[in-house]
Protein backbone atom coordinates (compact mmCIF):
# COMPACT_ATOMS: atom_id res chain seq x y z
CA MET A 1 128.37 78.92 145.31
CA GLU A 2 128.95 80.51 141.91
CA ASP A 3 128.82 78.21 138.91
CA THR A 4 131.80 78.23 136.62
CA GLN A 5 131.37 79.25 133.00
CA LYS A 6 132.13 75.66 131.99
CA GLU A 7 129.26 74.33 134.13
CA LYS A 8 126.84 76.91 132.67
CA VAL A 9 127.81 75.98 129.13
CA PHE A 10 127.47 72.26 129.90
CA ARG A 11 123.97 72.73 131.35
CA TYR A 12 123.00 74.96 128.43
CA GLY A 13 124.15 72.27 125.96
CA PHE A 14 122.35 69.54 127.91
CA PHE A 15 119.06 71.46 127.82
CA LYS A 16 119.63 72.33 124.15
CA LEU A 17 119.71 68.59 123.37
CA PHE A 18 116.21 68.29 124.82
CA HIS A 19 115.20 71.44 122.95
CA LEU A 20 116.20 69.79 119.66
CA ILE A 21 114.41 66.55 120.61
CA GLY A 22 111.33 68.68 121.25
CA VAL A 23 111.63 70.26 117.79
CA VAL A 24 111.74 66.81 116.19
CA LEU A 25 108.70 65.67 118.20
CA TRP A 26 106.85 68.89 117.44
CA LEU A 27 107.42 68.86 113.68
CA GLY A 28 107.93 65.21 112.81
CA PRO A 29 105.23 62.70 113.74
CA SER A 30 102.10 64.75 113.05
CA THR A 31 103.52 66.14 109.80
CA GLY A 32 104.33 62.63 108.58
CA ALA A 33 100.91 61.38 109.62
CA TYR A 34 99.19 64.27 107.84
CA TYR A 35 101.12 63.45 104.66
CA MET A 36 99.78 59.91 104.94
CA ILE A 37 96.25 61.36 105.14
CA ILE A 38 96.91 63.48 102.04
CA PHE A 39 98.29 60.46 100.15
CA SER A 40 95.20 58.42 101.06
CA MET A 41 93.02 61.27 99.76
CA VAL A 42 94.97 61.43 96.49
CA ASP A 43 94.64 57.66 96.04
CA GLU A 44 90.93 57.96 96.90
CA GLN A 45 91.26 55.45 99.73
CA ARG A 46 88.40 56.85 101.85
CA SER A 47 88.39 54.04 104.42
CA ILE A 48 92.13 54.40 105.00
CA GLU A 49 91.79 58.18 105.17
CA LEU A 50 89.05 57.94 107.80
CA TRP A 51 91.05 55.43 109.85
CA LEU A 52 94.11 57.70 109.70
CA ARG A 53 92.06 60.73 110.69
CA GLN A 54 90.62 58.88 113.70
CA HIS A 55 94.13 58.01 114.90
CA TYR A 56 95.80 61.28 113.94
CA ILE A 57 95.03 62.72 117.39
CA SER A 58 97.74 60.53 118.94
CA PHE A 59 100.27 62.22 116.65
CA VAL A 60 98.90 65.60 117.72
CA HIS A 61 99.60 64.56 121.32
CA PHE A 62 103.25 63.84 120.39
CA GLU A 63 103.35 67.24 118.73
CA LEU A 64 102.03 68.88 121.88
CA LEU A 65 104.56 66.98 124.01
CA GLY A 66 107.28 68.28 121.68
CA LEU A 67 106.06 71.85 122.07
CA PHE A 68 106.04 71.56 125.87
CA LEU A 69 109.56 70.08 125.72
CA ILE A 70 110.69 73.02 123.55
CA ILE A 71 109.22 75.54 125.99
CA ALA A 72 110.53 73.81 129.13
CA SER A 73 114.03 73.24 127.76
CA GLY A 74 114.12 76.81 126.42
CA LEU A 75 113.33 78.15 129.87
CA LEU A 76 115.97 75.87 131.38
CA MET A 77 118.56 77.11 128.85
CA ILE A 78 117.75 80.69 129.88
CA LEU A 79 118.11 79.74 133.55
CA ALA A 80 121.36 77.87 132.88
CA MET A 81 122.81 81.10 131.50
CA GLN A 82 121.31 83.04 134.44
CA GLY A 83 118.97 85.06 132.23
CA ALA A 84 121.72 86.56 130.08
CA LEU A 85 120.05 85.18 126.95
CA LEU A 86 117.00 87.37 127.52
CA ARG A 87 119.07 90.38 126.51
CA GLN A 88 119.65 88.89 123.04
CA TRP A 89 117.33 90.27 120.37
CA TRP A 90 117.36 87.00 118.37
CA LEU A 91 115.86 85.16 121.36
CA LYS A 92 113.24 87.84 121.83
CA MET A 93 112.26 87.42 118.16
CA LYS A 94 112.00 83.63 118.60
CA ILE A 95 109.77 84.09 121.65
CA TYR A 96 107.56 86.60 119.79
CA ILE A 97 107.15 84.26 116.80
CA ALA A 98 106.32 81.34 119.09
CA GLY A 99 103.78 83.40 121.02
CA ILE A 100 102.14 84.96 117.98
CA ILE A 101 102.21 82.02 115.53
CA PHE A 102 103.07 78.62 117.06
CA ILE A 103 101.07 78.67 120.30
CA PRO A 104 97.83 79.88 118.65
CA LEU A 105 98.21 77.31 115.84
CA GLU A 106 98.57 74.54 118.42
CA ALA A 107 95.52 75.77 120.33
CA ILE A 108 93.40 75.87 117.15
CA GLN A 109 94.62 72.44 116.09
CA LEU A 110 93.78 70.95 119.48
CA TYR A 111 90.33 72.51 119.40
CA LEU A 112 89.61 71.30 115.87
CA TYR A 113 90.78 67.76 116.59
CA HIS A 114 89.61 67.27 120.15
CA VAL A 115 86.27 69.02 119.78
CA ARG A 116 85.17 69.13 116.15
CA ILE A 117 86.64 65.98 114.62
CA ASN A 118 86.33 63.70 117.67
CA LYS A 119 82.69 64.76 118.09
CA ALA A 120 82.02 64.09 114.39
CA PHE A 121 83.54 60.60 114.59
CA LYS A 122 81.68 59.79 117.83
CA THR A 123 78.30 60.87 116.47
CA GLY A 124 78.93 59.84 112.87
CA MET A 125 77.63 63.23 111.77
CA GLY A 126 79.52 66.11 110.18
CA ILE A 127 82.69 64.12 109.47
CA ARG A 128 83.22 65.63 106.01
CA GLU A 129 82.61 69.17 107.27
CA ALA A 130 84.92 68.76 110.27
CA THR A 131 87.72 67.22 108.21
CA ALA A 132 87.31 69.88 105.49
CA LEU A 133 87.65 72.59 108.16
CA PHE A 134 90.77 70.91 109.52
CA ASP A 135 92.22 70.59 106.01
CA TRP A 136 91.61 74.32 105.40
CA PHE A 137 93.29 75.12 108.72
CA SER A 138 96.21 72.85 107.77
CA VAL A 139 96.82 74.79 104.54
CA VAL A 140 96.94 78.06 106.49
CA ALA A 141 99.22 76.45 109.11
CA ILE A 142 101.56 75.05 106.46
CA VAL A 143 101.95 78.49 104.88
CA LEU A 144 102.60 80.16 108.26
CA LEU A 145 105.02 77.44 109.38
CA THR A 146 106.86 77.50 106.05
CA LEU A 147 107.53 81.18 106.61
CA THR A 148 108.33 81.11 110.33
CA VAL A 149 110.10 77.82 111.11
CA PRO A 150 113.11 78.64 108.88
CA ALA A 151 113.31 82.08 110.53
CA ILE A 152 113.36 80.43 113.96
CA PHE A 153 116.11 78.05 112.83
CA VAL A 154 118.24 80.88 111.41
CA LEU A 155 117.84 82.90 114.60
CA GLY A 156 118.61 79.89 116.81
CA VAL A 157 121.58 78.58 114.84
CA PHE A 158 123.32 81.77 113.74
CA LYS A 159 122.23 84.03 116.61
CA PRO A 160 122.71 87.15 114.48
CA GLU A 161 123.79 90.31 116.19
CA LYS A 162 121.51 93.26 115.65
CA LYS A 163 123.24 96.13 113.87
CA ARG A 164 122.06 99.71 113.65
CA THR A 165 123.44 102.26 111.27
CA ALA A 166 123.46 105.89 112.23
CA VAL A 167 123.91 108.38 109.41
CA ILE A 168 125.55 111.61 110.47
CA GLY A 169 126.05 114.03 107.63
CA GLU A 170 127.78 112.11 104.88
CA ASN A 171 129.45 109.59 107.20
CA ALA A 172 127.69 106.30 107.95
CA GLU A 173 128.71 104.63 111.13
CA SER A 174 127.78 101.05 112.14
CA ILE A 175 126.84 100.77 115.77
CA SER A 176 126.61 97.36 117.36
CA ASN A 177 123.53 96.95 119.54
CA LYS A 178 124.28 94.58 122.40
CA GLU A 179 121.05 94.93 124.33
């Protein structure tokens, strides 16, 4: 039985709600927790900083849950619209950015926290080196995310249509590209 357009749009909106919840989980808790770590460093509260760093991994788990929710709900939105969204260039750009920037950043963050920092805290050795490495990674991640997250939001909210201009002689003609 063929779904009506109204049912497709309802399902798309339902999955989009979970997509937005995923964005909040992905960006919110771990970012707030990292700011708390930075504030403890500025105030030179080393014991508080170390305690926060030991417990930061739970916020990384929320972040990872948010990323999985974003991916799952995104796939469900595509399915709800029966794949029609995959022809939209703005969605392709979002997928490329996620695959090239977001997924690798998450993988590196998980490695640094699960392997390097957890090992340092368990053995009591190399804590400063491991946290310094994570802080360096965080600076790089903040720069990359500052550049790419707004682009993702603009693409997702405004869904711009790709335009191509063909110049023939002295006449310029705008051609809409509806891939």
